[in-house]
């Protein structure tokens, strides 16, 4: 989740978990369960941020929208109360943009297309082989890590804790997707890594 495991960052871990669950459920609604008409209504409800807009939704979408609406409002309330920052409009805009992007992908899929991945995009744009495209993406990832490590030593307006969390987020993403889609498609490599990290005992 990109979080630090220090005890006093429990709230951060809880919020990150909620956000990741909401993103995963929303992604499944757009990729698997919703029809285009339903997805249009769901996206409209999120953009309006109005619980009255969910009346025409099927029950599973109502549950998702209400969970999203309540969770985001609760997070914004906590931040306003504790830090005196009014950020609900930014949260709403982010979720609306995310749902709009999901809807565009769903429309492309329903029209007979396939949602292109980075390797496929590079192959289509350059005519490269799959092997060369994979190597190019690996080089991009490596260059991004070098840039992040270099910027770690620069003066930053962000706290060290925030930077640490961002690094952990990158590590988590690479761990999950290093051998393919370790989140949506189960594979032994990702499962074995997670078991060794969180379940199996470290030998003495």
N, C-alpha and C. Protein backbone atom coordinates (compact mmCIF):
# COMPACT_ATOMS: atom_id res chain seq x y z
N UNK A 1 0.81 -1.20 0.00
CA UNK A 1 0.00 0.00 0.00
C UNK A 1 0.85 1.26 0.00
N UNK A 2 2.16 1.11 0.03
CA UNK A 2 2.99 2.29 0.03
C UNK A 2 3.15 2.90 1.40
N UNK A 3 2.73 2.20 2.44
CA UNK A 3 2.76 2.79 3.78
C UNK A 3 3.98 2.34 4.55
N UNK A 4 4.33 3.14 5.52
CA UNK A 4 5.33 2.73 6.49
C UNK A 4 4.65 1.90 7.58
N UNK A 5 5.38 0.96 8.15
CA UNK A 5 4.77 0.07 9.14
C UNK A 5 5.02 0.53 10.57
N UNK A 6 5.47 1.76 10.75
CA UNK A 6 5.66 2.28 12.09
C UNK A 6 4.31 2.39 12.79
N UNK A 7 4.27 2.08 14.10
CA UNK A 7 2.98 2.03 14.81
C UNK A 7 2.16 3.30 14.74
N UNK A 8 2.81 4.48 14.78
CA UNK A 8 2.05 5.73 14.83
C UNK A 8 1.49 6.15 13.48
N UNK A 9 1.71 5.33 12.43
CA UNK A 9 1.12 5.63 11.13
C UNK A 9 -0.05 4.70 10.82
N UNK A 10 -0.71 4.25 11.87
CA UNK A 10 -1.86 3.36 11.70
C UNK A 10 -2.98 3.99 10.90
N UNK A 11 -3.25 5.28 11.13
CA UNK A 11 -4.31 5.96 10.38
C UNK A 11 -3.99 5.98 8.89
N UNK A 12 -2.74 6.25 8.56
CA UNK A 12 -2.32 6.25 7.15
C UNK A 12 -2.55 4.89 6.51
N UNK A 13 -2.22 3.82 7.24
CA UNK A 13 -2.42 2.48 6.69
C UNK A 13 -3.91 2.18 6.49
N UNK A 14 -4.74 2.60 7.43
CA UNK A 14 -6.19 2.36 7.30
C UNK A 14 -6.76 3.11 6.09
N UNK A 15 -6.37 4.36 5.93
CA UNK A 15 -6.89 5.15 4.82
C UNK A 15 -6.39 4.60 3.49
N UNK A 16 -5.11 4.24 3.42
CA UNK A 16 -4.56 3.67 2.18
C UNK A 16 -5.27 2.37 1.81
N UNK A 17 -5.58 1.56 2.83
CA UNK A 17 -6.30 0.31 2.58
C UNK A 17 -7.68 0.60 2.01
N UNK A 18 -8.39 1.57 2.61
CA UNK A 18 -9.72 1.93 2.11
C UNK A 18 -9.66 2.40 0.66
N UNK A 19 -8.70 3.28 0.37
CA UNK A 19 -8.57 3.82 -0.99
C UNK A 19 -8.28 2.70 -1.98
N UNK A 20 -7.36 1.79 -1.63
CA UNK A 20 -7.03 0.69 -2.53
C UNK A 20 -8.22 -0.23 -2.77
N UNK A 21 -9.00 -0.50 -1.72
CA UNK A 21 -10.19 -1.34 -1.87
C UNK A 21 -11.21 -0.66 -2.79
N UNK A 22 -11.42 0.64 -2.58
CA UNK A 22 -12.39 1.38 -3.40
C UNK A 22 -11.95 1.42 -4.86
N UNK A 23 -10.65 1.61 -5.11
CA UNK A 23 -10.16 1.61 -6.48
C UNK A 23 -10.34 0.24 -7.11
N UNK A 24 -10.02 -0.82 -6.37
CA UNK A 24 -10.15 -2.18 -6.90
C UNK A 24 -11.60 -2.52 -7.22
N UNK A 25 -12.52 -2.18 -6.31
CA UNK A 25 -13.94 -2.47 -6.55
C UNK A 25 -14.46 -1.66 -7.73
N UNK A 26 -14.08 -0.38 -7.79
CA UNK A 26 -14.51 0.46 -8.92
C UNK A 26 -13.99 -0.09 -10.24
N UNK A 27 -12.74 -0.51 -10.25
CA UNK A 27 -12.14 -1.09 -11.45
C UNK A 27 -12.90 -2.33 -11.90
N UNK A 28 -13.28 -3.19 -10.96
CA UNK A 28 -14.04 -4.40 -11.29
C UNK A 28 -15.43 -4.05 -11.84
N UNK A 29 -16.05 -3.02 -11.29
CA UNK A 29 -17.36 -2.61 -11.80
C UNK A 29 -17.27 -2.22 -13.27
N UNK A 30 -16.24 -1.45 -13.61
CA UNK A 30 -16.09 -1.01 -14.99
C UNK A 30 -15.60 -2.11 -15.92
N UNK A 31 -14.74 -3.00 -15.40
CA UNK A 31 -14.14 -4.04 -16.25
C UNK A 31 -15.00 -5.27 -16.39
N UNK A 32 -15.77 -5.60 -15.35
CA UNK A 32 -16.42 -6.91 -15.31
C UNK A 32 -17.94 -6.84 -15.24
N UNK A 33 -18.49 -6.03 -14.35
CA UNK A 33 -19.90 -6.16 -14.00
C UNK A 33 -20.85 -5.21 -14.73
N UNK A 34 -20.46 -3.97 -14.93
CA UNK A 34 -21.40 -2.98 -15.42
C UNK A 34 -21.65 -3.02 -16.92
N UNK A 35 -22.90 -2.74 -17.31
CA UNK A 35 -23.17 -2.48 -18.73
C UNK A 35 -22.80 -1.04 -19.02
N UNK A 36 -22.70 -0.69 -20.29
CA UNK A 36 -22.33 0.69 -20.63
C UNK A 36 -23.33 1.70 -20.09
N UNK A 37 -24.62 1.38 -20.19
CA UNK A 37 -25.64 2.31 -19.67
C UNK A 37 -25.50 2.50 -18.17
N UNK A 38 -25.26 1.40 -17.44
CA UNK A 38 -25.08 1.49 -16.00
C UNK A 38 -23.82 2.27 -15.65
N UNK A 39 -22.76 2.04 -16.41
CA UNK A 39 -21.50 2.73 -16.14
C UNK A 39 -21.61 4.23 -16.39
N UNK A 40 -22.39 4.61 -17.40
CA UNK A 40 -22.64 6.03 -17.65
C UNK A 40 -23.34 6.66 -16.43
N UNK A 41 -24.35 5.96 -15.90
CA UNK A 41 -25.07 6.47 -14.74
C UNK A 41 -24.16 6.54 -13.51
N UNK A 42 -23.35 5.52 -13.32
CA UNK A 42 -22.44 5.48 -12.18
C UNK A 42 -21.44 6.63 -12.26
N UNK A 43 -20.86 6.82 -13.46
CA UNK A 43 -19.90 7.91 -13.64
C UNK A 43 -20.55 9.26 -13.40
N UNK A 44 -21.78 9.42 -13.88
CA UNK A 44 -22.50 10.67 -13.67
C UNK A 44 -22.74 10.92 -12.17
N UNK A 45 -23.08 9.86 -11.43
CA UNK A 45 -23.30 10.01 -9.98
C UNK A 45 -22.03 10.45 -9.27
N UNK A 46 -20.89 9.87 -9.68
CA UNK A 46 -19.62 10.25 -9.06
C UNK A 46 -19.27 11.70 -9.41
N UNK A 47 -19.47 12.07 -10.66
CA UNK A 47 -19.15 13.44 -11.07
C UNK A 47 -20.03 14.47 -10.37
N UNK A 48 -21.29 14.13 -10.16
CA UNK A 48 -22.19 15.05 -9.46
C UNK A 48 -21.99 15.00 -7.95
N UNK A 49 -21.45 13.90 -7.45
CA UNK A 49 -21.23 13.66 -6.02
C UNK A 49 -22.53 13.87 -5.23
N UNK A 50 -23.57 13.24 -5.77
CA UNK A 50 -24.92 13.46 -5.23
C UNK A 50 -25.56 12.10 -5.01
N UNK A 51 -25.93 11.80 -3.76
CA UNK A 51 -26.52 10.49 -3.47
C UNK A 51 -27.87 10.33 -4.17
N UNK A 52 -28.54 11.43 -4.53
CA UNK A 52 -29.80 11.32 -5.26
C UNK A 52 -29.59 10.81 -6.68
N UNK A 53 -28.37 10.95 -7.19
CA UNK A 53 -28.08 10.52 -8.55
C UNK A 53 -27.92 9.01 -8.64
N UNK A 54 -27.93 8.31 -7.51
CA UNK A 54 -27.73 6.85 -7.56
C UNK A 54 -29.05 6.09 -7.63
N UNK A 55 -30.17 6.79 -7.72
CA UNK A 55 -31.48 6.12 -7.71
C UNK A 55 -31.65 5.13 -8.85
N UNK A 56 -31.11 5.44 -10.02
CA UNK A 56 -31.30 4.55 -11.16
C UNK A 56 -30.27 3.45 -11.28
N UNK A 57 -29.38 3.34 -10.29
CA UNK A 57 -28.31 2.34 -10.35
C UNK A 57 -28.77 0.99 -9.81
N UNK A 58 -28.19 -0.10 -10.30
CA UNK A 58 -28.46 -1.41 -9.67
C UNK A 58 -27.89 -1.40 -8.26
N UNK A 59 -28.37 -2.32 -7.44
CA UNK A 59 -28.02 -2.31 -6.02
C UNK A 59 -26.51 -2.39 -5.76
N UNK A 60 -25.79 -3.23 -6.52
CA UNK A 60 -24.36 -3.37 -6.24
C UNK A 60 -23.62 -2.06 -6.53
N UNK A 61 -24.11 -1.28 -7.51
CA UNK A 61 -23.51 0.02 -7.78
C UNK A 61 -23.89 1.05 -6.72
N UNK A 62 -25.11 0.94 -6.22
CA UNK A 62 -25.51 1.83 -5.12
C UNK A 62 -24.62 1.62 -3.91
N UNK A 63 -24.35 0.36 -3.60
CA UNK A 63 -23.50 0.04 -2.45
C UNK A 63 -22.10 0.62 -2.66
N UNK A 64 -21.55 0.43 -3.87
CA UNK A 64 -20.21 0.94 -4.16
C UNK A 64 -20.18 2.46 -4.09
N UNK A 65 -21.17 3.11 -4.70
CA UNK A 65 -21.18 4.58 -4.70
C UNK A 65 -21.33 5.13 -3.29
N UNK A 66 -22.20 4.51 -2.50
CA UNK A 66 -22.41 4.98 -1.13
C UNK A 66 -21.15 4.78 -0.29
N UNK A 67 -20.48 3.65 -0.47
CA UNK A 67 -19.22 3.40 0.24
C UNK A 67 -18.17 4.43 -0.16
N UNK A 68 -18.09 4.70 -1.46
CA UNK A 68 -17.15 5.70 -1.96
C UNK A 68 -17.47 7.08 -1.41
N UNK A 69 -18.72 7.48 -1.52
CA UNK A 69 -19.18 8.79 -1.07
C UNK A 69 -18.90 8.99 0.42
N UNK A 70 -19.29 8.00 1.23
CA UNK A 70 -19.13 8.11 2.68
C UNK A 70 -17.66 8.09 3.09
N UNK A 71 -16.86 7.22 2.46
CA UNK A 71 -15.45 7.09 2.83
C UNK A 71 -14.67 8.35 2.49
N UNK A 72 -14.88 8.88 1.29
CA UNK A 72 -14.17 10.09 0.88
C UNK A 72 -14.58 11.28 1.73
N UNK A 73 -15.88 11.42 1.99
CA UNK A 73 -16.33 12.52 2.85
C UNK A 73 -15.76 12.40 4.26
N UNK A 74 -15.68 11.17 4.76
CA UNK A 74 -15.11 10.95 6.09
C UNK A 74 -13.63 11.34 6.13
N UNK A 75 -12.88 10.95 5.08
CA UNK A 75 -11.47 11.32 5.03
C UNK A 75 -11.31 12.84 4.97
N UNK A 76 -12.12 13.49 4.14
CA UNK A 76 -12.05 14.95 4.03
C UNK A 76 -12.41 15.60 5.36
N UNK A 77 -13.39 15.04 6.07
CA UNK A 77 -13.78 15.57 7.37
C UNK A 77 -12.63 15.47 8.38
N UNK A 78 -11.96 14.31 8.41
CA UNK A 78 -10.84 14.12 9.34
C UNK A 78 -9.72 15.11 9.07
N UNK A 79 -9.41 15.33 7.79
CA UNK A 79 -8.33 16.24 7.43
C UNK A 79 -8.70 17.69 7.76
N UNK A 80 -9.96 18.04 7.52
CA UNK A 80 -10.42 19.40 7.86
C UNK A 80 -10.35 19.62 9.36
N UNK A 81 -10.77 18.61 10.11
CA UNK A 81 -10.79 18.73 11.58
C UNK A 81 -9.39 18.78 12.17
N UNK A 82 -8.50 17.91 11.66
CA UNK A 82 -7.17 17.78 12.25
C UNK A 82 -6.17 18.79 11.68
N UNK A 83 -6.28 19.11 10.40
CA UNK A 83 -5.27 19.95 9.76
C UNK A 83 -5.83 21.26 9.20
N UNK A 84 -7.13 21.46 9.32
CA UNK A 84 -7.79 22.67 8.85
C UNK A 84 -7.59 22.89 7.35
N UNK A 85 -7.58 21.80 6.60
CA UNK A 85 -7.46 21.87 5.14
C UNK A 85 -8.76 21.37 4.52
N UNK A 86 -9.34 22.17 3.63
CA UNK A 86 -10.60 21.81 2.97
C UNK A 86 -10.27 21.20 1.61
N UNK A 87 -10.28 19.87 1.53
CA UNK A 87 -9.78 19.22 0.33
C UNK A 87 -10.82 18.36 -0.39
N UNK A 88 -12.08 18.41 0.02
CA UNK A 88 -13.09 17.53 -0.57
C UNK A 88 -13.21 17.74 -2.06
N UNK A 89 -13.06 18.98 -2.54
CA UNK A 89 -13.20 19.24 -3.97
C UNK A 89 -12.11 18.53 -4.78
N UNK A 90 -10.91 18.41 -4.18
CA UNK A 90 -9.83 17.72 -4.87
C UNK A 90 -10.08 16.22 -4.91
N UNK A 91 -10.55 15.67 -3.79
CA UNK A 91 -10.91 14.25 -3.75
C UNK A 91 -11.98 13.94 -4.80
N UNK A 92 -13.02 14.77 -4.83
CA UNK A 92 -14.13 14.55 -5.76
C UNK A 92 -13.63 14.59 -7.21
N UNK A 93 -12.77 15.56 -7.51
CA UNK A 93 -12.26 15.70 -8.87
C UNK A 93 -11.42 14.49 -9.27
N UNK A 94 -10.59 14.02 -8.34
CA UNK A 94 -9.75 12.84 -8.62
C UNK A 94 -10.60 11.62 -8.93
N UNK A 95 -11.63 11.38 -8.10
CA UNK A 95 -12.48 10.21 -8.32
C UNK A 95 -13.27 10.35 -9.61
N UNK A 96 -13.74 11.57 -9.91
CA UNK A 96 -14.48 11.79 -11.16
C UNK A 96 -13.60 11.54 -12.37
N UNK A 97 -12.33 12.04 -12.30
CA UNK A 97 -11.40 11.81 -13.42
C UNK A 97 -11.09 10.33 -13.58
N UNK A 98 -10.94 9.62 -12.44
CA UNK A 98 -10.63 8.19 -12.49
C UNK A 98 -11.79 7.42 -13.13
N UNK A 99 -13.01 7.71 -12.71
CA UNK A 99 -14.18 7.02 -13.25
C UNK A 99 -14.39 7.36 -14.73
N UNK A 100 -14.11 8.58 -15.12
CA UNK A 100 -14.21 8.96 -16.53
C UNK A 100 -13.21 8.17 -17.38
N UNK A 101 -11.99 7.98 -16.86
CA UNK A 101 -10.98 7.19 -17.57
C UNK A 101 -11.42 5.73 -17.67
N UNK A 102 -11.97 5.19 -16.58
CA UNK A 102 -12.48 3.82 -16.60
C UNK A 102 -13.59 3.67 -17.65
N UNK A 103 -14.46 4.68 -17.72
CA UNK A 103 -15.58 4.62 -18.67
C UNK A 103 -15.08 4.62 -20.10
N UNK A 104 -14.07 5.43 -20.40
CA UNK A 104 -13.50 5.46 -21.75
C UNK A 104 -12.92 4.10 -22.12
N UNK A 105 -12.23 3.47 -21.16
CA UNK A 105 -11.69 2.13 -21.41
C UNK A 105 -12.81 1.14 -21.66
N UNK A 106 -13.88 1.23 -20.87
CA UNK A 106 -15.01 0.31 -21.04
C UNK A 106 -15.65 0.49 -22.41
N UNK A 107 -15.80 1.73 -22.86
CA UNK A 107 -16.38 2.00 -24.18
C UNK A 107 -15.51 1.41 -25.28
N UNK A 108 -14.21 1.56 -25.13
CA UNK A 108 -13.28 1.00 -26.12
C UNK A 108 -13.39 -0.52 -26.14
N UNK A 109 -13.50 -1.12 -24.96
CA UNK A 109 -13.61 -2.58 -24.88
C UNK A 109 -14.91 -3.06 -25.51
N UNK A 110 -16.03 -2.40 -25.19
CA UNK A 110 -17.33 -2.80 -25.73
C UNK A 110 -17.42 -2.60 -27.24
N UNK A 111 -16.59 -1.69 -27.77
CA UNK A 111 -16.60 -1.48 -29.23
C UNK A 111 -15.78 -2.52 -29.97
N UNK A 112 -15.21 -3.46 -29.23
CA UNK A 112 -14.46 -4.54 -29.86
C UNK A 112 -12.96 -4.39 -29.71
N UNK A 113 -12.52 -3.34 -29.04
CA UNK A 113 -11.10 -3.13 -28.84
C UNK A 113 -10.61 -3.81 -27.59
N UNK A 114 -9.32 -3.73 -27.38
CA UNK A 114 -8.71 -4.26 -26.18
C UNK A 114 -7.96 -3.12 -25.51
N UNK A 115 -8.01 -3.05 -24.20
CA UNK A 115 -7.31 -1.98 -23.50
C UNK A 115 -5.81 -2.23 -23.64
N UNK A 116 -5.08 -1.36 -24.33
CA UNK A 116 -3.67 -1.62 -24.60
C UNK A 116 -2.81 -1.44 -23.36
N UNK A 117 -1.81 -2.33 -23.23
CA UNK A 117 -0.85 -2.23 -22.16
C UNK A 117 0.39 -1.47 -22.68
N UNK A 118 1.27 -1.09 -21.76
CA UNK A 118 2.43 -0.29 -22.15
C UNK A 118 3.28 -1.00 -23.21
N UNK A 119 3.49 -2.30 -23.04
CA UNK A 119 4.31 -3.05 -24.01
C UNK A 119 3.63 -3.07 -25.37
N UNK A 120 2.31 -3.29 -25.40
CA UNK A 120 1.58 -3.29 -26.66
C UNK A 120 1.63 -1.91 -27.32
N UNK A 121 1.49 -0.86 -26.53
CA UNK A 121 1.54 0.50 -27.08
C UNK A 121 2.89 0.76 -27.74
N UNK A 122 3.97 0.37 -27.08
CA UNK A 122 5.30 0.60 -27.64
C UNK A 122 5.50 -0.21 -28.92
N UNK A 123 5.01 -1.45 -28.94
CA UNK A 123 5.12 -2.28 -30.14
C UNK A 123 4.35 -1.65 -31.30
N UNK A 124 3.13 -1.15 -31.00
CA UNK A 124 2.33 -0.54 -32.06
C UNK A 124 2.93 0.75 -32.58
N UNK A 125 3.53 1.53 -31.68
CA UNK A 125 4.06 2.84 -32.07
C UNK A 125 5.39 2.73 -32.81
N UNK A 126 6.20 1.71 -32.50
CA UNK A 126 7.55 1.65 -33.06
C UNK A 126 7.79 0.45 -33.97
N UNK A 127 6.90 -0.53 -33.93
CA UNK A 127 7.12 -1.75 -34.70
C UNK A 127 8.12 -2.69 -34.05
N UNK A 128 8.45 -2.45 -32.78
CA UNK A 128 9.42 -3.28 -32.07
C UNK A 128 8.85 -4.66 -31.78
N UNK A 129 9.74 -5.63 -31.59
CA UNK A 129 9.30 -6.96 -31.18
C UNK A 129 8.88 -6.92 -29.72
N UNK A 130 8.18 -7.97 -29.28
CA UNK A 130 7.75 -8.01 -27.88
C UNK A 130 8.95 -8.01 -26.93
N UNK A 131 10.00 -8.76 -27.32
CA UNK A 131 11.19 -8.82 -26.47
C UNK A 131 11.84 -7.44 -26.32
N UNK A 132 11.96 -6.70 -27.46
CA UNK A 132 12.55 -5.37 -27.41
C UNK A 132 11.66 -4.41 -26.62
N UNK A 133 10.34 -4.56 -26.77
CA UNK A 133 9.42 -3.69 -26.03
C UNK A 133 9.53 -3.93 -24.53
N UNK A 134 9.63 -5.20 -24.14
CA UNK A 134 9.78 -5.50 -22.72
C UNK A 134 11.08 -4.92 -22.16
N UNK A 135 12.15 -5.00 -22.94
CA UNK A 135 13.42 -4.45 -22.50
C UNK A 135 13.34 -2.93 -22.37
N UNK A 136 12.63 -2.29 -23.30
CA UNK A 136 12.44 -0.83 -23.24
C UNK A 136 11.69 -0.44 -21.97
N UNK A 137 10.63 -1.17 -21.63
CA UNK A 137 9.86 -0.87 -20.42
C UNK A 137 10.71 -1.10 -19.18
N UNK A 138 11.54 -2.17 -19.19
CA UNK A 138 12.43 -2.41 -18.06
C UNK A 138 13.40 -1.24 -17.87
N UNK A 139 13.91 -0.70 -18.99
CA UNK A 139 14.82 0.44 -18.93
C UNK A 139 14.12 1.69 -18.39
N UNK A 140 12.85 1.87 -18.78
CA UNK A 140 12.08 3.00 -18.26
C UNK A 140 11.91 2.90 -16.75
N UNK A 141 11.60 1.69 -16.27
CA UNK A 141 11.42 1.48 -14.84
C UNK A 141 12.73 1.76 -14.11
N UNK A 142 13.83 1.26 -14.65
CA UNK A 142 15.15 1.48 -14.04
C UNK A 142 15.49 2.97 -14.01
N UNK A 143 15.23 3.67 -15.11
CA UNK A 143 15.52 5.11 -15.17
C UNK A 143 14.66 5.88 -14.16
N UNK A 144 13.41 5.45 -13.99
CA UNK A 144 12.53 6.12 -13.03
C UNK A 144 13.03 5.93 -11.61
N UNK A 145 13.49 4.70 -11.29
CA UNK A 145 14.04 4.46 -9.95
C UNK A 145 15.27 5.32 -9.70
N UNK A 146 16.14 5.43 -10.71
CA UNK A 146 17.35 6.26 -10.56
C UNK A 146 16.98 7.72 -10.32
N UNK A 147 15.96 8.19 -11.04
CA UNK A 147 15.52 9.58 -10.87
C UNK A 147 14.95 9.79 -9.47
N UNK A 148 14.13 8.83 -9.00
CA UNK A 148 13.55 8.94 -7.65
C UNK A 148 14.64 8.94 -6.59
N UNK A 149 15.63 8.07 -6.74
CA UNK A 149 16.73 8.00 -5.77
C UNK A 149 17.54 9.28 -5.79
N UNK A 150 17.76 9.84 -6.99
CA UNK A 150 18.50 11.09 -7.10
C UNK A 150 17.77 12.25 -6.45
N UNK A 151 16.47 12.29 -6.62
CA UNK A 151 15.68 13.38 -6.03
C UNK A 151 15.53 13.25 -4.52
N UNK A 152 15.83 12.06 -4.01
CA UNK A 152 15.74 11.85 -2.57
C UNK A 152 16.74 12.73 -1.82
N UNK A 153 17.86 13.01 -2.47
CA UNK A 153 18.90 13.81 -1.82
C UNK A 153 18.70 15.31 -2.02
N UNK A 154 17.71 15.69 -2.84
CA UNK A 154 17.45 17.10 -3.09
C UNK A 154 16.52 17.68 -2.03
N UNK A 155 16.56 19.01 -1.91
CA UNK A 155 15.65 19.68 -0.99
C UNK A 155 14.23 19.54 -1.49
N UNK A 156 13.34 19.08 -0.62
CA UNK A 156 11.96 18.82 -1.02
C UNK A 156 11.00 19.49 -0.05
N UNK A 157 9.87 20.00 -0.55
CA UNK A 157 8.87 20.57 0.35
C UNK A 157 8.10 19.50 1.15
N UNK A 158 8.29 18.23 0.74
CA UNK A 158 7.56 17.15 1.40
C UNK A 158 8.38 16.57 2.55
N UNK A 159 7.68 16.01 3.52
CA UNK A 159 8.35 15.41 4.68
C UNK A 159 9.05 14.11 4.28
N UNK A 160 10.01 13.71 5.12
CA UNK A 160 10.71 12.44 4.86
C UNK A 160 9.75 11.26 4.91
N UNK A 161 8.76 11.36 5.79
CA UNK A 161 7.77 10.28 5.91
C UNK A 161 6.98 10.14 4.61
N UNK A 162 6.54 11.28 4.04
CA UNK A 162 5.79 11.24 2.78
C UNK A 162 6.64 10.63 1.67
N UNK A 163 7.90 11.03 1.59
CA UNK A 163 8.80 10.50 0.55
C UNK A 163 9.00 9.00 0.74
N UNK A 164 9.14 8.57 2.00
CA UNK A 164 9.30 7.14 2.28
C UNK A 164 8.07 6.36 1.83
N UNK A 165 6.89 6.90 2.09
CA UNK A 165 5.66 6.24 1.68
C UNK A 165 5.58 6.13 0.16
N UNK A 166 5.98 7.19 -0.55
CA UNK A 166 5.96 7.16 -2.01
C UNK A 166 6.93 6.10 -2.55
N UNK A 167 8.09 5.99 -1.93
CA UNK A 167 9.04 4.95 -2.34
C UNK A 167 8.46 3.56 -2.11
N UNK A 168 7.82 3.39 -0.95
CA UNK A 168 7.21 2.09 -0.65
C UNK A 168 6.09 1.75 -1.64
N UNK A 169 5.38 2.78 -2.09
CA UNK A 169 4.34 2.56 -3.09
C UNK A 169 4.94 2.03 -4.39
N UNK A 170 6.06 2.63 -4.80
CA UNK A 170 6.76 2.15 -6.00
C UNK A 170 7.27 0.73 -5.83
N UNK A 171 7.81 0.44 -4.65
CA UNK A 171 8.30 -0.93 -4.38
C UNK A 171 7.15 -1.94 -4.43
N UNK A 172 6.02 -1.54 -3.84
CA UNK A 172 4.86 -2.43 -3.83
C UNK A 172 4.39 -2.71 -5.25
N UNK A 173 4.31 -1.67 -6.08
CA UNK A 173 3.85 -1.84 -7.46
C UNK A 173 4.77 -2.77 -8.23
N UNK A 174 6.08 -2.60 -8.06
CA UNK A 174 7.01 -3.46 -8.78
C UNK A 174 6.93 -4.90 -8.28
N UNK A 175 6.74 -5.06 -6.98
CA UNK A 175 6.60 -6.41 -6.43
C UNK A 175 5.38 -7.12 -6.99
N UNK A 176 4.25 -6.40 -7.08
CA UNK A 176 3.00 -7.01 -7.52
C UNK A 176 3.00 -7.29 -9.02
N UNK A 177 3.60 -6.39 -9.82
CA UNK A 177 3.49 -6.51 -11.27
C UNK A 177 4.79 -6.96 -11.95
N UNK A 178 5.78 -7.36 -11.18
CA UNK A 178 7.06 -7.73 -11.76
C UNK A 178 6.97 -8.96 -12.66
N UNK A 179 6.08 -9.87 -12.33
CA UNK A 179 5.94 -11.10 -13.11
C UNK A 179 4.58 -11.16 -13.81
N UNK A 180 4.05 -10.02 -14.18
CA UNK A 180 2.73 -9.96 -14.80
C UNK A 180 1.74 -9.30 -13.86
N UNK A 181 0.46 -9.55 -14.07
CA UNK A 181 -0.58 -8.94 -13.24
C UNK A 181 -0.75 -9.75 -11.97
N UNK A 182 0.06 -9.44 -10.97
CA UNK A 182 -0.01 -10.17 -9.70
C UNK A 182 -1.19 -9.76 -8.84
N UNK A 183 -1.94 -8.76 -9.28
CA UNK A 183 -3.12 -8.31 -8.52
C UNK A 183 -4.38 -8.97 -9.06
N UNK A 184 -4.60 -8.85 -10.37
CA UNK A 184 -5.83 -9.38 -10.96
C UNK A 184 -5.74 -10.83 -11.37
N UNK A 185 -4.52 -11.31 -11.67
CA UNK A 185 -4.32 -12.69 -12.11
C UNK A 185 -3.33 -13.36 -11.15
N UNK A 186 -3.76 -14.42 -10.51
CA UNK A 186 -2.90 -15.07 -9.53
C UNK A 186 -1.75 -15.79 -10.23
N UNK A 187 -0.56 -15.62 -9.69
CA UNK A 187 0.58 -16.39 -10.20
C UNK A 187 1.45 -16.78 -9.01
N UNK A 188 2.25 -17.81 -9.20
CA UNK A 188 3.01 -18.37 -8.09
C UNK A 188 4.09 -17.42 -7.59
N UNK A 189 4.71 -16.66 -8.52
CA UNK A 189 5.79 -15.76 -8.11
C UNK A 189 5.31 -14.73 -7.10
N UNK A 190 4.20 -14.06 -7.42
CA UNK A 190 3.68 -13.03 -6.51
C UNK A 190 3.22 -13.65 -5.20
N UNK A 191 2.51 -14.78 -5.28
CA UNK A 191 2.03 -15.45 -4.07
C UNK A 191 3.20 -15.86 -3.18
N UNK A 192 4.25 -16.42 -3.78
CA UNK A 192 5.41 -16.86 -3.01
C UNK A 192 6.11 -15.68 -2.33
N UNK A 193 6.21 -14.53 -3.07
CA UNK A 193 6.82 -13.35 -2.48
C UNK A 193 6.04 -12.86 -1.27
N UNK A 194 4.72 -12.79 -1.40
CA UNK A 194 3.90 -12.29 -0.29
C UNK A 194 3.95 -13.24 0.90
N UNK A 195 3.93 -14.54 0.63
CA UNK A 195 4.03 -15.50 1.72
C UNK A 195 5.35 -15.37 2.46
N UNK A 196 6.45 -15.19 1.70
CA UNK A 196 7.75 -15.07 2.35
C UNK A 196 7.88 -13.78 3.14
N UNK A 197 7.20 -12.72 2.69
CA UNK A 197 7.27 -11.43 3.38
C UNK A 197 6.43 -11.38 4.65
N UNK A 198 5.20 -11.94 4.59
CA UNK A 198 4.24 -11.70 5.66
C UNK A 198 3.81 -12.94 6.44
N UNK A 199 4.08 -14.14 5.94
CA UNK A 199 3.54 -15.34 6.59
C UNK A 199 4.64 -16.26 7.10
N UNK A 200 5.57 -16.61 6.23
CA UNK A 200 6.57 -17.59 6.61
C UNK A 200 7.59 -17.00 7.58
N UNK A 201 8.00 -17.83 8.50
CA UNK A 201 9.00 -17.41 9.49
C UNK A 201 10.37 -17.30 8.86
N UNK A 202 11.15 -16.32 9.33
CA UNK A 202 12.52 -16.18 8.87
C UNK A 202 13.36 -17.18 9.64
N UNK A 203 14.09 -18.02 8.93
CA UNK A 203 14.87 -19.05 9.64
C UNK A 203 15.95 -18.40 10.52
N UNK A 204 16.21 -18.99 11.71
CA UNK A 204 17.20 -18.42 12.65
C UNK A 204 18.62 -18.53 12.10
